[in-house]
């Protein structure tokens, strides 16, 4: 009975609108990249194509929220404006310091891309599904996120699915406790950022670990923790 009541609260029309738009824009971006392979070798065009891909979930969420008058409690700054801003600014400075302007800028673009996706997957979709048991909404988001990528023939399917499953649970827990989409964007972005064959550099690896530790300490040990705040509320 509880399961049925939970699903009755889900707005299927809003979710379907979000997902169709996200899929269509993802498909268009892949077709453009396949038609113009030179994009992959041109850094400004590569960044533009990546950001355009991330726009799918963001635009889908905005359209669905506008048409169906849906709202979300998950915001850019969440429960702490200064922590959310520091979450983005400090890593960009750190990586810019150890790798130069290009690495710092790449880090920033990775976060920007992460924010576009996270506004859709967490800011909209998870909030729409949040009344379901955690394992159910995590699995639903994982499957939708997995299929949204479309270019699955170019990936190791099972490891990629498991990665998205872990990310859906982990980033989902982060947004539930902090309400900060910037923090979600940071975790999402740093995963993409770390794929750039940088772990062979010891300095980068140390900085990467320090950034993750910095986020955890700042959000969970500096001031009132998000979990304590949610209990007080």
Foldseek 3Di string as FASTA:
>chain_A
DLQVVLVVLFDPVLVVQLLVQLLVQLVVLVVVCVVPVCLVVDVVSVLVSLLSNLQSLQVSNVVSCVVVVDAFLQDACFPHNVLLVCLQPVLLVLLCVVPNPVRSVLLNSLLSSLLSNCCRLQRGQCRSNVSHPLVVSLVVSLVSVLVSNVVCVVDPNPVVSVVSSVLSNVLNVVCVQRSHSSNSSNVRSLVVSVVPPPVVPVSVVVSSVVSVVVSCCCQAPPPHHSVNVVVVD
